[in-house]
C-alpha cells in the first residue's frame, strides 16, 4: 500500500471557491490521502460547504486564530508520512500528489513542493 499523504487546508471565509477546490483534492490519482480542513472561524457558509463533504474529509472548527494556528492544528492531527498545505481557493491538478510522492521518494533528503499556474 502507498504511504499516506495528509492534505491540510486552512479555511477562512472561502465559500466562493471551496467546493471546487475540495473536489480537486478528493479526485487525486494518488490512492492514499487524508484531507484535514480547519475551519478557522469562518463567518460565511464555508462550514456548510465543508460539512457537505464530511464523508470524505476531516473537519476541525476553531475560533479565528489565523493561518499559522490553523496549520498547526492540522499538523498535530495528521497521520500521513507527508503533508501538503493547500489553500481553499486553489485547484489541484489530478496527478499533483502522485507526482509529489514520486519526487519525494526520488529525493528523500529534500523539501518537495509543486509549481502553480495562475488562471
N, C-alpha and C. Protein backbone atom coordinates (compact mmCIF):
# COMPACT_ATOMS: atom_id res chain seq x y z
N UNK A 1 0.84 -1.19 0.00
CA UNK A 1 0.00 0.00 0.00
C UNK A 1 0.89 1.26 0.00
N UNK A 2 0.43 2.30 -0.64
CA UNK A 2 1.17 3.55 -0.71
C UNK A 2 1.09 4.29 0.63
N UNK A 3 2.13 5.09 0.90
CA UNK A 3 2.17 5.85 2.15
C UNK A 3 1.08 6.93 2.14
N UNK A 4 0.57 7.20 3.33
CA UNK A 4 -0.48 8.19 3.49
C UNK A 4 0.07 9.60 3.32
N UNK A 5 -0.65 10.41 2.57
CA UNK A 5 -0.34 11.84 2.41
C UNK A 5 -1.48 12.62 3.05
N UNK A 6 -1.13 13.55 3.93
CA UNK A 6 -2.12 14.40 4.58
C UNK A 6 -2.17 15.74 3.85
N UNK A 7 -3.35 16.12 3.42
CA UNK A 7 -3.56 17.42 2.80
C UNK A 7 -4.25 18.29 3.84
N UNK A 8 -3.59 19.37 4.22
CA UNK A 8 -4.11 20.26 5.25
C UNK A 8 -4.59 21.54 4.58
N UNK A 9 -5.86 21.86 4.82
CA UNK A 9 -6.47 23.03 4.18
C UNK A 9 -7.04 23.95 5.27
N UNK A 10 -6.34 25.05 5.57
CA UNK A 10 -6.91 26.04 6.48
C UNK A 10 -8.01 26.81 5.72
N UNK A 11 -9.16 26.95 6.34
CA UNK A 11 -10.30 27.57 5.66
C UNK A 11 -10.79 28.77 6.47
N UNK A 12 -10.80 29.93 5.83
CA UNK A 12 -11.40 31.11 6.45
C UNK A 12 -12.15 31.89 5.37
N UNK A 13 -13.46 31.93 5.48
CA UNK A 13 -14.32 32.67 4.55
C UNK A 13 -13.95 32.40 3.09
N UNK A 14 -13.97 31.14 2.72
CA UNK A 14 -13.53 30.70 1.40
C UNK A 14 -14.65 30.09 0.58
N UNK A 15 -15.89 30.41 0.90
CA UNK A 15 -17.04 29.76 0.28
C UNK A 15 -17.05 29.86 -1.25
N UNK A 16 -16.58 30.96 -1.77
CA UNK A 16 -16.69 31.19 -3.22
C UNK A 16 -16.03 30.09 -4.05
N UNK A 17 -14.88 29.57 -3.60
CA UNK A 17 -14.12 28.59 -4.38
C UNK A 17 -13.98 27.24 -3.69
N UNK A 18 -14.50 27.12 -2.48
CA UNK A 18 -14.21 25.95 -1.64
C UNK A 18 -14.69 24.63 -2.24
N UNK A 19 -15.89 24.57 -2.77
CA UNK A 19 -16.42 23.31 -3.31
C UNK A 19 -15.52 22.78 -4.43
N UNK A 20 -15.18 23.63 -5.37
CA UNK A 20 -14.34 23.21 -6.49
C UNK A 20 -12.94 22.83 -6.02
N UNK A 21 -12.43 23.56 -5.05
CA UNK A 21 -11.11 23.27 -4.51
C UNK A 21 -11.10 21.88 -3.85
N UNK A 22 -12.08 21.61 -3.01
CA UNK A 22 -12.16 20.31 -2.34
C UNK A 22 -12.31 19.17 -3.34
N UNK A 23 -13.14 19.36 -4.35
CA UNK A 23 -13.30 18.33 -5.37
C UNK A 23 -11.98 18.02 -6.08
N UNK A 24 -11.16 19.05 -6.30
CA UNK A 24 -9.87 18.82 -6.96
C UNK A 24 -8.93 17.99 -6.09
N UNK A 25 -9.03 18.12 -4.78
CA UNK A 25 -8.19 17.32 -3.88
C UNK A 25 -8.76 15.91 -3.75
N UNK A 26 -10.05 15.79 -3.63
CA UNK A 26 -10.69 14.48 -3.49
C UNK A 26 -10.44 13.62 -4.73
N UNK A 27 -10.37 14.22 -5.90
CA UNK A 27 -10.24 13.48 -7.16
C UNK A 27 -8.80 13.24 -7.60
N UNK A 28 -7.88 13.14 -6.67
CA UNK A 28 -6.49 12.88 -7.00
C UNK A 28 -6.29 11.44 -7.48
N UNK A 29 -5.28 11.24 -8.33
CA UNK A 29 -4.95 9.89 -8.79
C UNK A 29 -4.22 9.09 -7.71
N UNK A 30 -3.60 9.77 -6.76
CA UNK A 30 -2.90 9.09 -5.67
C UNK A 30 -3.95 8.47 -4.74
N UNK A 31 -3.81 7.19 -4.41
CA UNK A 31 -4.90 6.48 -3.75
C UNK A 31 -5.00 6.62 -2.23
N UNK A 32 -4.02 7.21 -1.57
CA UNK A 32 -4.00 7.16 -0.11
C UNK A 32 -3.77 8.55 0.48
N UNK A 33 -4.86 9.29 0.63
CA UNK A 33 -4.77 10.63 1.20
C UNK A 33 -5.79 10.80 2.30
N UNK A 34 -5.46 11.68 3.23
CA UNK A 34 -6.44 12.17 4.18
C UNK A 34 -6.50 13.68 3.98
N UNK A 35 -7.69 14.23 4.06
CA UNK A 35 -7.88 15.66 3.86
C UNK A 35 -8.39 16.23 5.17
N UNK A 36 -7.60 17.14 5.73
CA UNK A 36 -7.94 17.77 7.01
C UNK A 36 -8.21 19.24 6.74
N UNK A 37 -9.44 19.67 7.03
CA UNK A 37 -9.82 21.07 6.83
C UNK A 37 -10.05 21.71 8.19
N UNK A 38 -9.38 22.82 8.42
CA UNK A 38 -9.54 23.55 9.66
C UNK A 38 -10.36 24.79 9.37
N UNK A 39 -11.60 24.80 9.84
CA UNK A 39 -12.47 25.97 9.70
C UNK A 39 -12.05 26.97 10.77
N UNK A 40 -11.41 28.03 10.36
CA UNK A 40 -10.81 29.00 11.28
C UNK A 40 -11.77 30.17 11.55
N UNK A 41 -12.94 29.83 12.06
CA UNK A 41 -13.90 30.87 12.44
C UNK A 41 -14.58 31.56 11.29
N UNK A 42 -14.79 30.86 10.19
CA UNK A 42 -15.45 31.47 9.02
C UNK A 42 -16.81 32.02 9.40
N UNK A 43 -17.15 33.16 8.80
CA UNK A 43 -18.46 33.79 9.03
C UNK A 43 -19.35 33.70 7.79
N UNK A 44 -18.83 33.14 6.70
CA UNK A 44 -19.65 32.90 5.51
C UNK A 44 -20.16 31.46 5.59
N UNK A 45 -20.54 30.85 4.49
CA UNK A 45 -21.05 29.48 4.55
C UNK A 45 -19.99 28.42 4.27
N UNK A 46 -18.73 28.74 4.56
CA UNK A 46 -17.65 27.75 4.38
C UNK A 46 -17.90 26.48 5.17
N UNK A 47 -18.33 26.61 6.42
CA UNK A 47 -18.56 25.42 7.24
C UNK A 47 -19.63 24.53 6.63
N UNK A 48 -20.70 25.10 6.10
CA UNK A 48 -21.75 24.30 5.48
C UNK A 48 -21.21 23.54 4.28
N UNK A 49 -20.36 24.18 3.50
CA UNK A 49 -19.74 23.50 2.35
C UNK A 49 -18.85 22.36 2.84
N UNK A 50 -18.04 22.62 3.85
CA UNK A 50 -17.20 21.56 4.42
C UNK A 50 -18.06 20.38 4.88
N UNK A 51 -19.13 20.68 5.57
CA UNK A 51 -20.00 19.60 6.08
C UNK A 51 -20.61 18.77 4.96
N UNK A 52 -20.82 19.37 3.80
CA UNK A 52 -21.36 18.60 2.68
C UNK A 52 -20.36 17.57 2.15
N UNK A 53 -19.10 17.69 2.54
CA UNK A 53 -18.04 16.74 2.16
C UNK A 53 -17.61 15.89 3.36
N UNK A 54 -18.36 15.90 4.44
CA UNK A 54 -17.91 15.30 5.70
C UNK A 54 -17.64 13.80 5.62
N UNK A 55 -18.16 13.13 4.60
CA UNK A 55 -17.87 11.71 4.45
C UNK A 55 -16.50 11.46 3.81
N UNK A 56 -15.86 12.53 3.30
CA UNK A 56 -14.56 12.36 2.62
C UNK A 56 -13.44 13.21 3.21
N UNK A 57 -13.79 14.11 4.14
CA UNK A 57 -12.77 14.97 4.75
C UNK A 57 -12.93 14.97 6.26
N UNK A 58 -11.86 15.34 6.94
CA UNK A 58 -11.89 15.50 8.40
C UNK A 58 -11.99 17.00 8.66
N UNK A 59 -12.99 17.42 9.41
CA UNK A 59 -13.23 18.84 9.67
C UNK A 59 -12.94 19.15 11.12
N UNK A 60 -12.17 20.20 11.34
CA UNK A 60 -11.91 20.72 12.68
C UNK A 60 -12.32 22.19 12.66
N UNK A 61 -13.13 22.60 13.62
CA UNK A 61 -13.53 24.01 13.71
C UNK A 61 -12.91 24.64 14.95
N UNK A 62 -12.49 25.89 14.78
CA UNK A 62 -11.95 26.66 15.89
C UNK A 62 -12.35 28.11 15.70
N UNK A 63 -12.24 28.89 16.77
CA UNK A 63 -12.42 30.33 16.64
C UNK A 63 -11.29 30.86 15.77
N UNK A 64 -11.50 32.00 15.15
CA UNK A 64 -10.49 32.56 14.25
C UNK A 64 -9.20 32.87 15.02
N UNK A 65 -8.14 32.15 14.67
CA UNK A 65 -6.83 32.32 15.29
C UNK A 65 -5.75 32.56 14.27
N UNK A 66 -6.11 32.57 12.99
CA UNK A 66 -5.15 32.86 11.94
C UNK A 66 -4.58 31.62 11.28
N UNK A 67 -3.91 31.88 10.16
CA UNK A 67 -3.39 30.82 9.31
C UNK A 67 -2.41 29.90 10.04
N UNK A 68 -1.44 30.47 10.75
CA UNK A 68 -0.43 29.65 11.42
C UNK A 68 -1.07 28.71 12.43
N UNK A 69 -2.03 29.20 13.18
CA UNK A 69 -2.71 28.36 14.16
C UNK A 69 -3.46 27.23 13.47
N UNK A 70 -4.18 27.55 12.39
CA UNK A 70 -4.93 26.52 11.67
C UNK A 70 -4.00 25.45 11.11
N UNK A 71 -2.88 25.87 10.53
CA UNK A 71 -1.92 24.89 10.02
C UNK A 71 -1.38 24.00 11.14
N UNK A 72 -1.04 24.60 12.27
CA UNK A 72 -0.51 23.82 13.39
C UNK A 72 -1.53 22.81 13.90
N UNK A 73 -2.79 23.19 13.95
CA UNK A 73 -3.84 22.25 14.36
C UNK A 73 -3.88 21.07 13.39
N UNK A 74 -3.84 21.35 12.10
CA UNK A 74 -3.85 20.29 11.10
C UNK A 74 -2.64 19.38 11.20
N UNK A 75 -1.48 19.96 11.39
CA UNK A 75 -0.25 19.17 11.51
C UNK A 75 -0.31 18.25 12.72
N UNK A 76 -0.86 18.74 13.84
CA UNK A 76 -0.98 17.90 15.04
C UNK A 76 -1.93 16.72 14.82
N UNK A 77 -2.93 16.90 13.97
CA UNK A 77 -3.92 15.86 13.72
C UNK A 77 -3.53 14.88 12.62
N UNK A 78 -2.61 15.26 11.77
CA UNK A 78 -2.31 14.45 10.59
C UNK A 78 -1.69 13.11 10.94
N UNK A 79 -1.98 12.12 10.10
CA UNK A 79 -1.46 10.77 10.27
C UNK A 79 -0.48 10.38 9.17
N UNK A 80 -0.37 11.21 8.15
CA UNK A 80 0.42 10.87 6.98
C UNK A 80 1.92 10.94 7.17
N UNK A 81 2.62 10.28 6.28
CA UNK A 81 4.08 10.36 6.24
C UNK A 81 4.50 11.73 5.71
N UNK A 82 3.73 12.27 4.79
CA UNK A 82 3.99 13.58 4.21
C UNK A 82 2.74 14.44 4.33
N UNK A 83 2.95 15.76 4.22
CA UNK A 83 1.78 16.61 4.15
C UNK A 83 1.92 17.65 3.06
N UNK A 84 0.77 18.05 2.57
CA UNK A 84 0.67 19.09 1.55
C UNK A 84 -0.23 20.18 2.11
N UNK A 85 0.30 21.39 2.23
CA UNK A 85 -0.51 22.54 2.62
C UNK A 85 -1.20 23.01 1.36
N UNK A 86 -2.51 23.18 1.46
CA UNK A 86 -3.28 23.58 0.30
C UNK A 86 -4.23 24.70 0.68
N UNK A 87 -4.41 25.64 -0.23
CA UNK A 87 -5.28 26.78 0.02
C UNK A 87 -6.68 26.50 -0.54
N UNK A 88 -7.71 26.98 0.15
CA UNK A 88 -9.09 26.67 -0.25
C UNK A 88 -9.59 27.43 -1.47
N UNK A 89 -8.75 28.26 -2.05
CA UNK A 89 -9.14 28.96 -3.29
C UNK A 89 -8.26 28.53 -4.46
N UNK A 90 -7.59 27.38 -4.30
CA UNK A 90 -6.74 26.83 -5.35
C UNK A 90 -7.35 25.55 -5.90
N UNK A 91 -6.89 25.15 -7.07
CA UNK A 91 -7.26 23.87 -7.66
C UNK A 91 -6.02 23.01 -7.79
N UNK A 92 -6.16 21.72 -7.54
CA UNK A 92 -5.05 20.79 -7.64
C UNK A 92 -5.23 19.96 -8.91
N UNK A 93 -4.20 19.92 -9.74
CA UNK A 93 -4.24 19.05 -10.91
C UNK A 93 -4.40 17.61 -10.45
N UNK A 94 -5.04 16.76 -11.24
CA UNK A 94 -5.38 15.41 -10.78
C UNK A 94 -4.20 14.55 -10.33
N UNK A 95 -3.02 14.76 -10.88
CA UNK A 95 -1.88 13.91 -10.51
C UNK A 95 -0.87 14.63 -9.62
N UNK A 96 -1.25 15.73 -9.00
CA UNK A 96 -0.31 16.50 -8.18
C UNK A 96 0.30 15.67 -7.06
N UNK A 97 -0.52 15.06 -6.24
CA UNK A 97 0.02 14.32 -5.09
C UNK A 97 0.84 13.13 -5.55
N UNK A 98 0.40 12.44 -6.57
CA UNK A 98 1.16 11.32 -7.12
C UNK A 98 2.55 11.79 -7.57
N UNK A 99 2.61 12.91 -8.26
CA UNK A 99 3.90 13.45 -8.73
C UNK A 99 4.79 13.87 -7.57
N UNK A 100 4.20 14.48 -6.56
CA UNK A 100 4.99 14.91 -5.40
C UNK A 100 5.55 13.73 -4.62
N UNK A 101 4.76 12.67 -4.48
CA UNK A 101 5.24 11.48 -3.77
C UNK A 101 6.39 10.82 -4.54
N UNK A 102 6.26 10.73 -5.86
CA UNK A 102 7.35 10.17 -6.67
C UNK A 102 8.63 10.99 -6.49
N UNK A 103 8.50 12.31 -6.49
CA UNK A 103 9.68 13.17 -6.31
C UNK A 103 10.25 13.03 -4.90
N UNK A 104 9.39 12.91 -3.90
CA UNK A 104 9.86 12.75 -2.52
C UNK A 104 10.62 11.44 -2.34
N UNK A 105 10.18 10.40 -3.01
CA UNK A 105 10.89 9.11 -2.93
C UNK A 105 12.23 9.18 -3.66
N UNK A 106 12.26 9.91 -4.75
CA UNK A 106 13.50 10.04 -5.53
C UNK A 106 14.53 10.92 -4.82
N UNK A 107 14.05 11.93 -4.11
CA UNK A 107 14.92 12.89 -3.41
C UNK A 107 14.52 12.96 -1.93
N UNK A 108 14.78 11.92 -1.16
CA UNK A 108 14.27 11.86 0.21
C UNK A 108 14.87 12.89 1.18
N UNK A 109 15.97 13.51 0.80
CA UNK A 109 16.61 14.47 1.69
C UNK A 109 16.28 15.92 1.32
N UNK A 110 15.24 16.11 0.53
CA UNK A 110 14.88 17.46 0.07
C UNK A 110 13.44 17.79 0.40
N UNK A 111 13.16 19.07 0.43
CA UNK A 111 11.77 19.54 0.56
C UNK A 111 11.19 19.60 -0.85
N UNK A 112 10.02 19.03 -1.04
CA UNK A 112 9.37 18.97 -2.34
C UNK A 112 8.13 19.86 -2.31
N UNK A 113 7.96 20.67 -3.32
CA UNK A 113 6.75 21.49 -3.45
C UNK A 113 6.33 21.49 -4.90
N UNK A 114 5.13 21.95 -5.13
CA UNK A 114 4.62 21.94 -6.50
C UNK A 114 4.61 23.34 -7.09
N UNK A 115 4.65 23.40 -8.37
CA UNK A 115 4.56 24.66 -9.07
C UNK A 115 3.08 25.03 -9.20
N UNK A 116 2.79 26.16 -9.75
CA UNK A 116 1.40 26.57 -9.90
C UNK A 116 1.23 27.35 -11.19
N UNK A 117 -0.01 27.45 -11.56
CA UNK A 117 -0.36 28.21 -12.76
C UNK A 117 -1.46 29.18 -12.37
N UNK A 118 -1.25 30.44 -12.61
CA UNK A 118 -2.25 31.45 -12.31
C UNK A 118 -3.25 31.50 -13.44
N UNK A 119 -4.54 31.38 -13.08
CA UNK A 119 -5.59 31.42 -14.11
C UNK A 119 -6.58 32.54 -13.79
